[in-house]
Amino acid sequence: MSTFWKWIIVGTVLGAIGGYIGSTKADPINFNNSPLNWANSPLNFNNSPLNFNNSPLNWANSPLNVNATNGVYDTNGNRVGYTTVSPQGTVNIFGNDGNRTGYAPPPTVSVPLVPLR
């Protein structure tokens, strides 16, 4: 993997972590980002490391899989974890040990305004 892509992944992960830190307060205005939102909750099985899709035992997430495309790397290029996406669209960030370290909330769906006639 080229250095360019590693920095892209590091930037994405740092942005997701920043979003997680900023969303730890229950903000009634932006419930989409809140950890109290079921889509983001660690109690939701889709976000749990007990779900095989998120498990480090899944070959797609394994640090031993050199072809894995979901790795998270530090600034020295060492793999420190991996990401998965839940069916709700939440991006989960896990350490190599399978512990969930953060998330990025699913994108919001905006409803276009319809003009009154």
PDB file of N, CA and C in Angstrom:
ATOM      1  N   MET A   1       0.851  -1.158   0.000  1.00  0.00           N
ATOM      2  CA  MET A   1       0.000   0.000   0.000  1.00  0.00           C
ATOM      3  C   MET A   1       0.903   1.229   0.000  1.00  0.00           C
ATOM      4  N   SER A   2       0.577   2.182  -0.846  1.00  0.00           N
ATOM      5  CA  SER A   2       1.412   3.368  -0.957  1.00  0.00           C
ATOM      6  C   SER A   2       1.235   4.281   0.260  1.00  0.00           C
ATOM      7  N   THR A   3       2.201   5.123   0.470  1.00  0.00           N
ATOM      8  CA  THR A   3       2.167   6.060   1.592  1.00  0.00           C
ATOM      9  C   THR A   3       0.973   6.993   1.472  1.00  0.00           C
ATOM     10  N   PHE A   4       0.639   7.384   0.239  1.00  0.00           N
ATOM     11  CA  PHE A   4      -0.509   8.264   0.020  1.00  0.00           C
ATOM     12  C   PHE A   4      -1.774   7.667   0.616  1.00  0.00           C
ATOM     13  N   TRP A   5      -2.056   6.411   0.320  1.00  0.00           N
ATOM     14  CA  TRP A   5      -3.277   5.772   0.805  1.00  0.00           C
ATOM     15  C   TRP A   5      -3.241   5.568   2.313  1.00  0.00           C
ATOM     16  N   LYS A   6      -2.064   5.298   2.860  1.00  0.00           N
ATOM     17  CA  LYS A   6      -1.962   5.171   4.313  1.00  0.00           C
ATOM     18  C   LYS A   6      -2.327   6.483   4.991  1.00  0.00           C
ATOM     19  N   TRP A   7      -1.884   7.607   4.422  1.00  0.00           N
ATOM     20  CA  TRP A   7      -2.214   8.902   5.012  1.00  0.00           C
ATOM     21  C   TRP A   7      -3.689   9.218   4.841  1.00  0.00           C
ATOM     22  N   ILE A   8      -4.280   8.796   3.739  1.00  0.00           N
ATOM     23  CA  ILE A   8      -5.717   8.983   3.540  1.00  0.00           C
ATOM     24  C   ILE A   8      -6.484   8.219   4.618  1.00  0.00           C
ATOM     25  N   ILE A   9      -6.063   6.971   4.869  1.00  0.00           N
ATOM     26  CA  ILE A   9      -6.735   6.151   5.880  1.00  0.00           C
ATOM     27  C   ILE A   9      -6.537   6.752   7.261  1.00  0.00           C
ATOM     28  N   VAL A  10      -5.308   7.193   7.566  1.00  0.00           N
ATOM     29  CA  VAL A  10      -5.040   7.803   8.871  1.00  0.00           C
ATOM     30  C   VAL A  10      -5.898   9.055   9.042  1.00  0.00           C
ATOM     31  N   GLY A  11      -6.004   9.879   8.008  1.00  0.00           N
ATOM     32  CA  GLY A  11      -6.827  11.084   8.093  1.00  0.00           C
ATOM     33  C   GLY A  11      -8.294  10.760   8.300  1.00  0.00           C
ATOM     34  N   THR A  12      -8.770   9.730   7.609  1.00  0.00           N
ATOM     35  CA  THR A  12     -10.167   9.324   7.756  1.00  0.00           C
ATOM     36  C   THR A  12     -10.442   8.839   9.168  1.00  0.00           C
ATOM     37  N   VAL A  13      -9.530   8.031   9.687  1.00  0.00           N
ATOM     38  CA  VAL A  13      -9.710   7.504  11.037  1.00  0.00           C
ATOM     39  C   VAL A  13      -9.645   8.621  12.068  1.00  0.00           C
ATOM     40  N   LEU A  14      -8.684   9.532  11.919  1.00  0.00           N
ATOM     41  CA  LEU A  14      -8.584  10.643  12.868  1.00  0.00           C
ATOM     42  C   LEU A  14      -9.831  11.516  12.807  1.00  0.00           C
ATOM     43  N   GLY A  15     -10.369  11.718  11.603  1.00  0.00           N
ATOM     44  CA  GLY A  15     -11.613  12.474  11.475  1.00  0.00           C
ATOM     45  C   GLY A  15     -12.771  11.767  12.151  1.00  0.00           C
ATOM     46  N   ALA A  16     -12.819  10.435  11.990  1.00  0.00           N
ATOM     47  CA  ALA A  16     -13.892   9.657  12.625  1.00  0.00           C
ATOM     48  C   ALA A  16     -13.757   9.696  14.137  1.00  0.00           C
ATOM     49  N   ILE A  17     -12.520   9.608  14.622  1.00  0.00           N
ATOM     50  CA  ILE A  17     -12.297   9.662  16.067  1.00  0.00           C
ATOM     51  C   ILE A  17     -12.675  11.042  16.597  1.00  0.00           C
ATOM     52  N   GLY A  18     -12.317  12.085  15.863  1.00  0.00           N
ATOM     53  CA  GLY A  18     -12.704  13.439  16.259  1.00  0.00           C
ATOM     54  C   GLY A  18     -14.213  13.592  16.297  1.00  0.00           C
ATOM     55  N   GLY A  19     -14.893  12.996  15.320  1.00  0.00           N
ATOM     56  CA  GLY A  19     -16.352  13.018  15.324  1.00  0.00           C
ATOM     57  C   GLY A  19     -16.919  12.272  16.508  1.00  0.00           C
ATOM     58  N   TYR A  20     -16.275  11.164  16.868  1.00  0.00           N
ATOM     59  CA  TYR A  20     -16.725  10.383  18.026  1.00  0.00           C
ATOM     60  C   TYR A  20     -16.561  11.192  19.306  1.00  0.00           C
ATOM     61  N   ILE A  21     -15.403  11.816  19.470  1.00  0.00           N
ATOM     62  CA  ILE A  21     -15.150  12.600  20.677  1.00  0.00           C
ATOM     63  C   ILE A  21     -16.125  13.768  20.759  1.00  0.00           C
ATOM     64  N   GLY A  22     -16.371  14.412  19.629  1.00  0.00           N
ATOM     65  CA  GLY A  22     -17.284  15.536  19.615  1.00  0.00           C
ATOM     66  C   GLY A  22     -18.724  15.140  19.834  1.00  0.00           C
ATOM     67  N   SER A  23     -19.045  13.871  19.598  1.00  0.00           N
ATOM     68  CA  SER A  23     -20.441  13.447  19.706  1.00  0.00           C
ATOM     69  C   SER A  23     -20.746  12.714  21.006  1.00  0.00           C
ATOM     70  N   THR A  24     -19.797  12.674  21.940  1.00  0.00           N
ATOM     71  CA  THR A  24     -20.042  11.924  23.166  1.00  0.00           C
ATOM     72  C   THR A  24     -21.055  12.602  24.072  1.00  0.00           C
ATOM     73  N   LYS A  25     -21.354  13.860  23.841  1.00  0.00           N
ATOM     74  CA  LYS A  25     -22.412  14.536  24.592  1.00  0.00           C
ATOM     75  C   LYS A  25     -23.737  14.252  23.899  1.00  0.00           C
ATOM     76  N   ALA A  26     -24.764  13.980  24.668  1.00  0.00           N
ATOM     77  CA  ALA A  26     -26.083  13.738  24.088  1.00  0.00           C
ATOM     78  C   ALA A  26     -26.635  15.064  23.585  1.00  0.00           C
ATOM     79  N   ASP A  27     -26.452  15.336  22.337  1.00  0.00           N
ATOM     80  CA  ASP A  27     -26.878  16.574  21.717  1.00  0.00           C
ATOM     81  C   ASP A  27     -28.241  16.354  21.071  1.00  0.00           C
ATOM     82  N   PRO A  28     -29.304  16.923  21.641  1.00  0.00           N
ATOM     83  CA  PRO A  28     -30.630  16.668  21.084  1.00  0.00           C
ATOM     84  C   PRO A  28     -30.799  17.236  19.687  1.00  0.00           C
ATOM     85  N   ILE A  29     -29.974  18.213  19.321  1.00  0.00           N
ATOM     86  CA  ILE A  29     -30.082  18.816  18.002  1.00  0.00           C
ATOM     87  C   ILE A  29     -29.511  17.883  16.937  1.00  0.00           C
ATOM     88  N   ASN A  30     -28.445  17.166  17.255  1.00  0.00           N
ATOM     89  CA  ASN A  30     -27.819  16.283  16.273  1.00  0.00           C
ATOM     90  C   ASN A  30     -27.773  14.868  16.827  1.00  0.00           C
ATOM     91  N   PHE A  31     -28.923  14.259  16.969  1.00  0.00           N
ATOM     92  CA  PHE A  31     -29.038  12.908  17.525  1.00  0.00           C
ATOM     93  C   PHE A  31     -28.345  11.878  16.644  1.00  0.00           C
ATOM     94  N   ASN A  32     -28.187  12.170  15.349  1.00  0.00           N
ATOM     95  CA  ASN A  32     -27.531  11.235  14.442  1.00  0.00           C
ATOM     96  C   ASN A  32     -26.111  10.908  14.902  1.00  0.00           C
ATOM     97  N   ASN A  33     -25.417  11.868  15.499  1.00  0.00           N
ATOM     98  CA  ASN A  33     -24.039  11.660  15.925  1.00  0.00           C
ATOM     99  C   ASN A  33     -23.924  11.075  17.328  1.00  0.00           C
ATOM    100  N   SER A  34     -25.004  11.028  18.056  1.00  0.00           N
ATOM    101  CA  SER A  34     -24.979  10.658  19.463  1.00  0.00           C
ATOM    102  C   SER A  34     -24.756   9.165  19.673  1.00  0.00           C
ATOM    103  N   PRO A  35     -23.963   8.805  20.696  1.00  0.00           N
ATOM    104  CA  PRO A  35     -23.825   7.389  21.031  1.00  0.00           C
ATOM    105  C   PRO A  35     -25.118   6.828  21.617  1.00  0.00           C
ATOM    106  N   LEU A  36     -26.075   7.708  21.964  1.00  0.00           N
ATOM    107  CA  LEU A  36     -27.371   7.252  22.445  1.00  0.00           C
ATOM    108  C   LEU A  36     -28.266   6.800  21.287  1.00  0.00           C
ATOM    109  N   ASN A  37     -27.898   7.152  20.068  1.00  0.00           N
ATOM    110  CA  ASN A  37     -28.614   6.708  18.874  1.00  0.00           C
ATOM    111  C   ASN A  37     -28.324   5.219  18.692  1.00  0.00           C
ATOM    112  N   TRP A  38     -29.357   4.396  18.540  1.00  0.00           N
ATOM    113  CA  TRP A  38     -29.191   2.934  18.438  1.00  0.00           C
ATOM    114  C   TRP A  38     -28.240   2.556  17.301  1.00  0.00           C
ATOM    115  N   ALA A  39     -28.237   3.295  16.204  1.00  0.00           N
ATOM    116  CA  ALA A  39     -27.357   2.983  15.081  1.00  0.00           C
ATOM    117  C   ALA A  39     -25.887   3.086  15.477  1.00  0.00           C
ATOM    118  N   ASN A  40     -25.558   3.913  16.482  1.00  0.00           N
ATOM    119  CA  ASN A  40     -24.180   4.113  16.916  1.00  0.00           C
ATOM    120  C   ASN A  40     -23.829   3.341  18.183  1.00  0.00           C
ATOM    121  N   SER A  41     -24.816   2.765  18.826  1.00  0.00           N
ATOM    122  CA  SER A  41     -24.621   2.161  20.140  1.00  0.00           C
ATOM    123  C   SER A  41     -23.767   0.896  20.091  1.00  0.00           C
ATOM    124  N   PRO A  42     -22.848   0.741  21.055  1.00  0.00           N
ATOM    125  CA  PRO A  42     -22.084  -0.503  21.137  1.00  0.00           C
ATOM    126  C   PRO A  42     -22.966  -1.678  21.571  1.00  0.00           C
ATOM    127  N   LEU A  43     -24.157  -1.390  22.084  1.00  0.00           N
ATOM    128  CA  LEU A  43     -25.086  -2.461  22.464  1.00  0.00           C
ATOM    129  C   LEU A  43     -25.811  -3.035  21.248  1.00  0.00           C
ATOM    130  N   ASN A  44     -25.779  -2.319  20.129  1.00  0.00           N
ATOM    131  CA  ASN A  44     -26.367  -2.792  18.879  1.00  0.00           C
ATOM    132  C   ASN A  44     -25.464  -3.910  18.342  1.00  0.00           C
ATOM    133  N   PHE A  45     -26.024  -5.095  18.113  1.00  0.00           N
ATOM    134  CA  PHE A  45     -25.230  -6.251  17.683  1.00  0.00           C
ATOM    135  C   PHE A  45     -24.454  -5.967  16.397  1.00  0.00           C
ATOM    136  N   ASN A  46     -24.988  -5.099  15.538  1.00  0.00           N
ATOM    137  CA  ASN A  46     -24.282  -4.764  14.299  1.00  0.00           C
ATOM    138  C   ASN A  46     -22.979  -4.017  14.556  1.00  0.00           C
ATOM    139  N   ASN A  47     -22.820  -3.435  15.744  1.00  0.00           N
ATOM    140  CA  ASN A  47     -21.600  -2.709  16.097  1.00  0.00           C
ATOM    141  C   ASN A  47     -20.713  -3.492  17.059  1.00  0.00           C
ATOM    142  N   SER A  48     -21.136  -4.669  17.432  1.00  0.00           N
ATOM    143  CA  SER A  48     -20.450  -5.450  18.454  1.00  0.00           C
ATOM    144  C   SER A  48     -19.344  -6.318  17.872  1.00  0.00           C
ATOM    145  N   PRO A  49     -18.222  -6.472  18.604  1.00  0.00           N
ATOM    146  CA  PRO A  49     -17.189  -7.394  18.147  1.00  0.00           C
ATOM    147  C   PRO A  49     -17.643  -8.850  18.237  1.00  0.00           C
ATOM    148  N   LEU A  50     -18.774  -9.108  18.917  1.00  0.00           N
ATOM    149  CA  LEU A  50     -19.318 -10.464  18.961  1.00  0.00           C
ATOM    150  C   LEU A  50     -19.963 -10.849  17.632  1.00  0.00           C
ATOM    151  N   ASN A  51     -20.277  -9.853  16.803  1.00  0.00           N
ATOM    152  CA  ASN A  51     -20.793 -10.083  15.457  1.00  0.00           C
ATOM    153  C   ASN A  51     -19.599 -10.503  14.592  1.00  0.00           C
ATOM    154  N   PHE A  52     -19.693 -11.641  13.923  1.00  0.00           N
ATOM    155  CA  PHE A  52     -18.553 -12.158  13.157  1.00  0.00           C
ATOM    156  C   PHE A  52     -18.080 -11.178  12.091  1.00  0.00           C
ATOM    157  N   ASN A  53     -18.986 -10.356  11.550  1.00  0.00           N
ATOM    158  CA  ASN A  53     -18.566  -9.368  10.556  1.00  0.00           C
ATOM    159  C   ASN A  53     -17.578  -8.361  11.138  1.00  0.00           C
ATOM    160  N   ASN A  54     -17.608  -8.156  12.449  1.00  0.00           N
ATOM    161  CA  ASN A  54     -16.727  -7.199  13.114  1.00  0.00           C
ATOM    162  C   ASN A  54     -15.572  -7.864  13.856  1.00  0.00           C
ATOM    163  N   SER A  55     -15.554  -9.156  13.894  1.00  0.00           N
ATOM    164  CA  SER A  55     -14.584  -9.891  14.701  1.00  0.00           C
ATOM    165  C   SER A  55     -13.189  -9.910  14.068  1.00  0.00           C
ATOM    166  N   PRO A  56     -12.134  -9.845  14.899  1.00  0.00           N
ATOM    167  CA  PRO A  56     -10.785 -10.000  14.354  1.00  0.00           C
ATOM    168  C   PRO A  56     -10.529 -11.439  13.884  1.00  0.00           C
ATOM    169  N   LEU A  57     -11.412 -12.368  14.259  1.00  0.00           N
ATOM    170  CA  LEU A  57     -11.284 -13.745  13.780  1.00  0.00           C
ATOM    171  C   LEU A  57     -11.767 -13.890  12.337  1.00  0.00           C
ATOM    172  N   ASN A  58     -12.502 -12.895  11.849  1.00  0.00           N
ATOM    173  CA  ASN A  58     -12.928 -12.871  10.453  1.00  0.00           C
ATOM    174  C   ASN A  58     -11.703 -12.527   9.613  1.00  0.00           C
ATOM    175  N   TRP A  59     -11.397 -13.351   8.628  1.00  0.00           N
ATOM    176  CA  TRP A  59     -10.181 -13.180   7.821  1.00  0.00           C
ATOM    177  C   TRP A  59     -10.127 -11.797   7.172  1.00  0.00           C
ATOM    178  N   ALA A  60     -11.274 -11.231   6.814  1.00  0.00           N
ATOM    179  CA  ALA A  60     -11.289  -9.903   6.195  1.00  0.00           C
ATOM    180  C   ALA A  60     -10.767  -8.828   7.140  1.00  0.00           C
ATOM    181  N   ASN A  61     -10.841  -9.067   8.457  1.00  0.00           N
ATOM    182  CA  ASN A  61     -10.392  -8.090   9.446  1.00  0.00           C
ATOM    183  C   ASN A  61      -9.047  -8.446  10.073  1.00  0.00           C
ATOM    184  N   SER A  62      -8.534  -9.603   9.768  1.00  0.00           N
ATOM    185  CA  SER A  62      -7.337 -10.110  10.433  1.00  0.00           C
ATOM    186  C   SER A  62      -6.084  -9.311  10.083  1.00  0.00           C
ATOM    187  N   PRO A  63      -5.241  -9.023  11.092  1.00  0.00           N
ATOM    188  CA  PRO A  63      -3.964  -8.363  10.797  1.00  0.00           C
ATOM    189  C   PRO A  63      -3.015  -9.273  10.016  1.00  0.00           C
ATOM    190  N   LEU A  64      -3.321 -10.555   9.982  1.00  0.00           N
ATOM    191  CA  LEU A  64      -2.498 -11.500   9.214  1.00  0.00           C
ATOM    192  C   LEU A  64      -2.832 -11.477   7.728  1.00  0.00           C
ATOM    193  N   ASN A  65      -3.964 -10.897   7.367  1.00  0.00           N
ATOM    194  CA  ASN A  65      -4.398 -10.822   5.973  1.00  0.00           C
ATOM    195  C   ASN A  65      -3.721  -9.614   5.321  1.00  0.00           C
ATOM    196  N   VAL A  66      -2.711  -9.876   4.516  1.00  0.00           N
ATOM    197  CA  VAL A  66      -1.967  -8.780   3.885  1.00  0.00           C
ATOM    198  C   VAL A  66      -2.788  -8.098   2.794  1.00  0.00           C
ATOM    199  N   ASN A  67      -3.863  -8.719   2.351  1.00  0.00           N
ATOM    200  CA  ASN A  67      -4.713  -8.129   1.322  1.00  0.00           C
ATOM    201  C   ASN A  67      -5.930  -7.407   1.896  1.00  0.00           C
ATOM    202  N   ALA A  68      -6.016  -7.291   3.215  1.00  0.00           N
ATOM    203  CA  ALA A  68      -7.149  -6.609   3.829  1.00  0.00           C
ATOM    204  C   ALA A  68      -7.150  -5.139   3.414  1.00  0.00           C
ATOM    205  N   THR A  69      -8.318  -4.637   3.086  1.00  0.00           N
ATOM    206  CA  THR A  69      -8.433  -3.246   2.622  1.00  0.00           C
ATOM    207  C   THR A  69      -9.042  -2.331   3.691  1.00  0.00           C
ATOM    208  N   ASN A  70      -9.322  -2.850   4.858  1.00  0.00           N
ATOM    209  CA  ASN A  70      -9.977  -2.049   5.901  1.00  0.00           C
ATOM    210  C   ASN A  70      -9.062  -1.751   7.084  1.00  0.00           C
ATOM    211  N   GLY A  71      -7.756  -1.861   6.903  1.00  0.00           N
ATOM    212  CA  GLY A  71      -6.824  -1.623   7.990  1.00  0.00           C
ATOM    213  C   GLY A  71      -6.721  -0.160   8.375  1.00  0.00           C
ATOM    214  N   VAL A  72      -6.421   0.077   9.649  1.00  0.00           N
ATOM    215  CA  VAL A  72      -6.166   1.411  10.179  1.00  0.00           C
ATOM    216  C   VAL A  72      -4.695   1.426  10.583  1.00  0.00           C
ATOM    217  N   TYR A  73      -3.972   2.453  10.148  1.00  0.00           N
ATOM    218  CA  TYR A  73      -2.529   2.501  10.346  1.00  0.00           C
ATOM    219  C   TYR A  73      -2.127   3.753  11.109  1.00  0.00           C
ATOM    220  N   ASP A  74      -1.055   3.635  11.890  1.00  0.00           N
ATOM    221  CA  ASP A  74      -0.529   4.814  12.572  1.00  0.00           C
ATOM    222  C   ASP A  74       0.397   5.566  11.627  1.00  0.00           C
ATOM    223  N   THR A  75       0.985   6.654  12.095  1.00  0.00           N
ATOM    224  CA  THR A  75       1.825   7.487  11.230  1.00  0.00           C
ATOM    225  C   THR A  75       3.104   6.793  10.796  1.00  0.00           C
ATOM    226  N   ASN A  76       3.491   5.712  11.481  1.00  0.00           N
ATOM    227  CA  ASN A  76       4.681   4.953  11.090  1.00  0.00           C
ATOM    228  C   ASN A  76       4.355   3.811  10.134  1.00  0.00           C
ATOM    229  N   GLY A  77       3.095   3.667   9.761  1.00  0.00           N
ATOM    230  CA  GLY A  77       2.692   2.616   8.843  1.00  0.00           C
ATOM    231  C   GLY A  77       2.384   1.289   9.508  1.00  0.00           C
ATOM    232  N   ASN A  78       2.310   1.270  10.848  1.00  0.00           N
ATOM    233  CA  ASN A  78       1.979   0.040  11.568  1.00  0.00           C
ATOM    234  C   ASN A  78       0.468  -0.093  11.673  1.00  0.00           C
ATOM    235  N   ARG A  79      -0.025  -1.281  11.407  1.00  0.00           N
ATOM    236  CA  ARG A  79      -1.469  -1.516  11.507  1.00  0.00           C
ATOM    237  C   ARG A  79      -1.877  -1.528  12.978  1.00  0.00           C
ATOM    238  N   VAL A  80      -2.857  -0.698  13.325  1.00  0.00           N
ATOM    239  CA  VAL A  80      -3.316  -0.600  14.709  1.00  0.00           C
ATOM    240  C   VAL A  80      -4.769  -1.043  14.862  1.00  0.00           C
ATOM    241  N   GLY A  81      -5.441  -1.321  13.765  1.00  0.00           N
ATOM    242  CA  GLY A  81      -6.825  -1.748  13.840  1.00  0.00           C
ATOM    243  C   GLY A  81      -7.452  -1.895  12.478  1.00  0.00           C
ATOM    244  N   TYR A  82      -8.779  -1.899  12.470  1.00  0.00           N
ATOM    245  CA  TYR A  82      -9.530  -2.065  11.231  1.00  0.00           C
ATOM    246  C   TYR A  82     -10.889  -1.408  11.379  1.00  0.00           C
ATOM    247  N   THR A  83     -11.552  -1.206  10.257  1.00  0.00           N
ATOM    248  CA  THR A  83     -12.884  -0.617  10.250  1.00  0.00           C
ATOM    249  C   THR A  83     -13.876  -1.582   9.610  1.00  0.00           C
ATOM    250  N   THR A  84     -15.131  -1.469  10.030  1.00  0.00           N
ATOM    251  CA  THR A  84     -16.230  -2.196   9.402  1.00  0.00           C
ATOM    252  C   THR A  84     -17.407  -1.230   9.281  1.00  0.00           C
ATOM    253  N   VAL A  85     -18.346  -1.568   8.420  1.00  0.00           N
ATOM    254  CA  VAL A  85     -19.537  -0.742   8.243  1.00  0.00           C
ATOM    255  C   VAL A  85     -20.750  -1.585   8.586  1.00  0.00           C
ATOM    256  N   SER A  86     -21.592  -1.074   9.487  1.00  0.00           N
ATOM    257  CA  SER A  86     -22.811  -1.799   9.888  1.00  0.00           C
ATOM    258  C   SER A  86     -23.878  -1.629   8.817  1.00  0.00           C
ATOM    259  N   PRO A  87     -24.920  -2.456   8.861  1.00  0.00           N
ATOM    260  CA  PRO A  87     -26.012  -2.288   7.896  1.00  0.00           C
ATOM    261  C   PRO A  87     -26.694  -0.919   7.965  1.00  0.00           C
ATOM    262  N   GLN A  88     -26.629  -0.255   9.129  1.00  0.00           N
ATOM    263  CA  GLN A  88     -27.209   1.083   9.256  1.00  0.00           C
ATOM    264  C   GLN A  88     -26.306   2.158   8.667  1.00  0.00           C
ATOM    265  N   GLY A  89     -25.058   1.810   8.342  1.00  0.00           N
ATOM    266  CA  GLY A  89     -24.124   2.766   7.773  1.00  0.00           C
ATOM    267  C   GLY A  89     -23.109   3.310   8.755  1.00  0.00           C
ATOM    268  N   THR A  90     -23.146   2.881  10.009  1.00  0.00           N
ATOM    269  CA  THR A  90     -22.168   3.318  11.001  1.00  0.00           C
ATOM    270  C   THR A  90     -20.821   2.691  10.680  1.00  0.00           C
ATOM    271  N   VAL A  91     -19.775   3.517  10.645  1.00  0.00           N
ATOM    272  CA  VAL A  91     -18.418   3.006  10.452  1.00  0.00           C
ATOM    273  C   VAL A  91     -17.854   2.731  11.843  1.00  0.00           C
ATOM    274  N   ASN A  92     -17.539   1.473  12.113  1.00  0.00           N
ATOM    275  CA  ASN A  92     -16.987   1.071  13.405  1.00  0.00           C
ATOM    276  C   ASN A  92     -15.482   0.961  13.295  1.00  0.00           C
ATOM    277  N   ILE A  93     -14.790   1.461  14.303  1.00  0.00           N
ATOM    278  CA  ILE A  93     -13.332   1.407  14.341  1.00  0.00           C
ATOM    279  C   ILE A  93     -12.940   0.473  15.476  1.00  0.00           C
ATOM    280  N   PHE A  94     -12.199  -0.567  15.136  1.00  0.00           N
ATOM    281  CA  PHE A  94     -11.769  -1.568  16.104  1.00  0.00           C
ATOM    282  C   PHE A  94     -10.250  -1.603  16.164  1.00  0.00           C
ATOM    283  N   GLY A  95      -9.706  -1.925  17.345  1.00  0.00           N
ATOM    284  CA  GLY A  95      -8.283  -2.202  17.461  1.00  0.00           C
ATOM    285  C   GLY A  95      -8.017  -3.607  16.950  1.00  0.00           C
ATOM    286  N   ASN A  96      -6.759  -3.952  16.751  1.00  0.00           N
ATOM    287  CA  ASN A  96      -6.425  -5.302  16.279  1.00  0.00           C
ATOM    288  C   ASN A  96      -6.941  -6.387  17.214  1.00  0.00           C
ATOM    289  N   ASP A  97      -7.160  -6.036  18.487  1.00  0.00           N
ATOM    290  CA  ASP A  97      -7.656  -7.008  19.461  1.00  0.00           C
ATOM    291  C   ASP A  97      -9.174  -7.192  19.393  1.00  0.00           C
ATOM    292  N   GLY A  98      -9.854  -6.400  18.568  1.00  0.00           N
ATOM    293  CA  GLY A  98     -11.298  -6.530  18.416  1.00  0.00           C
ATOM    294  C   GLY A  98     -12.115  -5.612  19.296  1.00  0.00           C
ATOM    295  N   ASN A  99     -11.470  -4.777  20.107  1.00  0.00           N
ATOM    296  CA  ASN A  99     -12.211  -3.824  20.938  1.00  0.00           C
ATOM    297  C   ASN A  99     -12.613  -2.617  20.102  1.00  0.00           C
ATOM    298  N   ARG A 100     -13.871  -2.219  20.218  1.00  0.00           N
ATOM    299  CA  ARG A 100     -14.372  -1.061  19.468  1.00  0.00           C
ATOM    300  C   ARG A 100     -13.814   0.202  20.106  1.00  0.00           C
ATOM    301  N   THR A 101     -13.097   0.989  19.322  1.00  0.00           N
ATOM    302  CA  THR A 101     -12.462   2.196  19.845  1.00  0.00           C
ATOM    303  C   THR A 101     -13.162   3.472  19.411  1.00  0.00           C
ATOM    304  N   GLY A 102     -14.077   3.384  18.451  1.00  0.00           N
ATOM    305  CA  GLY A 102     -14.780   4.573  17.999  1.00  0.00           C
ATOM    306  C   GLY A 102     -15.732   4.249  16.870  1.00  0.00           C
ATOM    307  N   TYR A 103     -16.388   5.291  16.380  1.00  0.00           N
ATOM    308  CA  TYR A 103     -17.326   5.127  15.281  1.00  0.00           C
ATOM    309  C   TYR A 103     -17.497   6.448  14.550  1.00  0.00           C
ATOM    310  N   ALA A 104     -17.988   6.361  13.344  1.00  0.00           N
ATOM    311  CA  ALA A 104     -18.439   7.521  12.585  1.00  0.00           C
ATOM    312  C   ALA A 104     -19.908   7.258  12.285  1.00  0.00           C
ATOM    313  N   PRO A 105     -20.791   8.186  12.643  1.00  0.00           N
ATOM    314  CA  PRO A 105     -22.220   7.939  12.469  1.00  0.00           C
ATOM    315  C   PRO A 105     -22.600   7.794  11.002  1.00  0.00           C
ATOM    316  N   PRO A 106     -23.738   7.140  10.766  1.00  0.00           N
ATOM    317  CA  PRO A 106     -24.185   7.009   9.382  1.00  0.00           C
ATOM    318  C   PRO A 106     -24.545   8.370   8.804  1.00  0.00           C
ATOM    319  N   PRO A 107     -24.459   8.493   7.502  1.00  0.00           N
ATOM    320  CA  PRO A 107     -24.819   9.778   6.895  1.00  0.00           C
ATOM    321  C   PRO A 107     -26.300  10.076   7.104  1.00  0.00           C
ATOM    322  N   THR A 108     -26.601  11.344   7.238  1.00  0.00           N
ATOM    323  CA  THR A 108     -28.004  11.733   7.401  1.00  0.00           C
ATOM    324  C   THR A 108     -28.669  11.782   6.038  1.00  0.00           C
ATOM    325  N   VAL A 109     -29.926  11.482   6.029  1.00  0.00           N
ATOM    326  CA  VAL A 109     -30.702  11.558   4.799  1.00  0.00           C
ATOM    327  C   VAL A 109     -31.466  12.865   4.841  1.00  0.00           C
ATOM    328  N   SER A 110     -31.175  13.717   3.902  1.00  0.00           N
ATOM    329  CA  SER A 110     -31.873  14.994   3.889  1.00  0.00           C
ATOM    330  C   SER A 110     -33.059  14.900   2.939  1.00  0.00           C
ATOM    331  N   VAL A 111     -34.140  15.433   3.383  1.00  0.00           N
ATOM    332  CA  VAL A 111     -35.360  15.442   2.575  1.00  0.00           C
ATOM    333  C   VAL A 111     -35.436  16.792   1.881  1.00  0.00           C
ATOM    334  N   PRO A 112     -35.516  16.793   0.563  1.00  0.00           N
ATOM    335  CA  PRO A 112     -35.567  18.069  -0.135  1.00  0.00           C
ATOM    336  C   PRO A 112     -36.866  18.815   0.195  1.00  0.00           C
ATOM    337  N   LEU A 113     -36.766  20.116   0.259  1.00  0.00           N
ATOM    338  CA  LEU A 113     -37.943  20.933   0.511  1.00  0.00           C
ATOM    339  C   LEU A 113     -38.793  20.995  -0.754  1.00  0.00           C
ATOM    340  N   VAL A 114     -40.074  20.865  -0.555  1.00  0.00           N
ATOM    341  CA  VAL A 114     -41.016  20.945  -1.682  1.00  0.00           C
ATOM    342  C   VAL A 114     -41.713  22.289  -1.610  1.00  0.00           C
ATOM    343  N   PRO A 115     -41.641  23.065  -2.674  1.00  0.00           N
ATOM    344  CA  PRO A 115     -42.277  24.379  -2.614  1.00  0.00           C
ATOM    345  C   PRO A 115     -43.798  24.257  -2.521  1.00  0.00           C
ATOM    346  N   LEU A 116     -44.396  25.172  -1.780  1.00  0.00           N
ATOM    347  CA  LEU A 116     -45.849  25.211  -1.665  1.00  0.00           C
ATOM    348  C   LEU A 116     -46.421  25.841  -2.927  1.00  0.00           C
ATOM    349  N   ARG A 117     -47.582  25.372  -3.356  1.00  0.00           N
ATOM    350  CA  ARG A 117     -48.214  25.930  -4.553  1.00  0.00           C
ATOM    351  C   ARG A 117     -49.501  26.589  -4.196  1.00  0.00           C
TER     352      ARG A 117
END
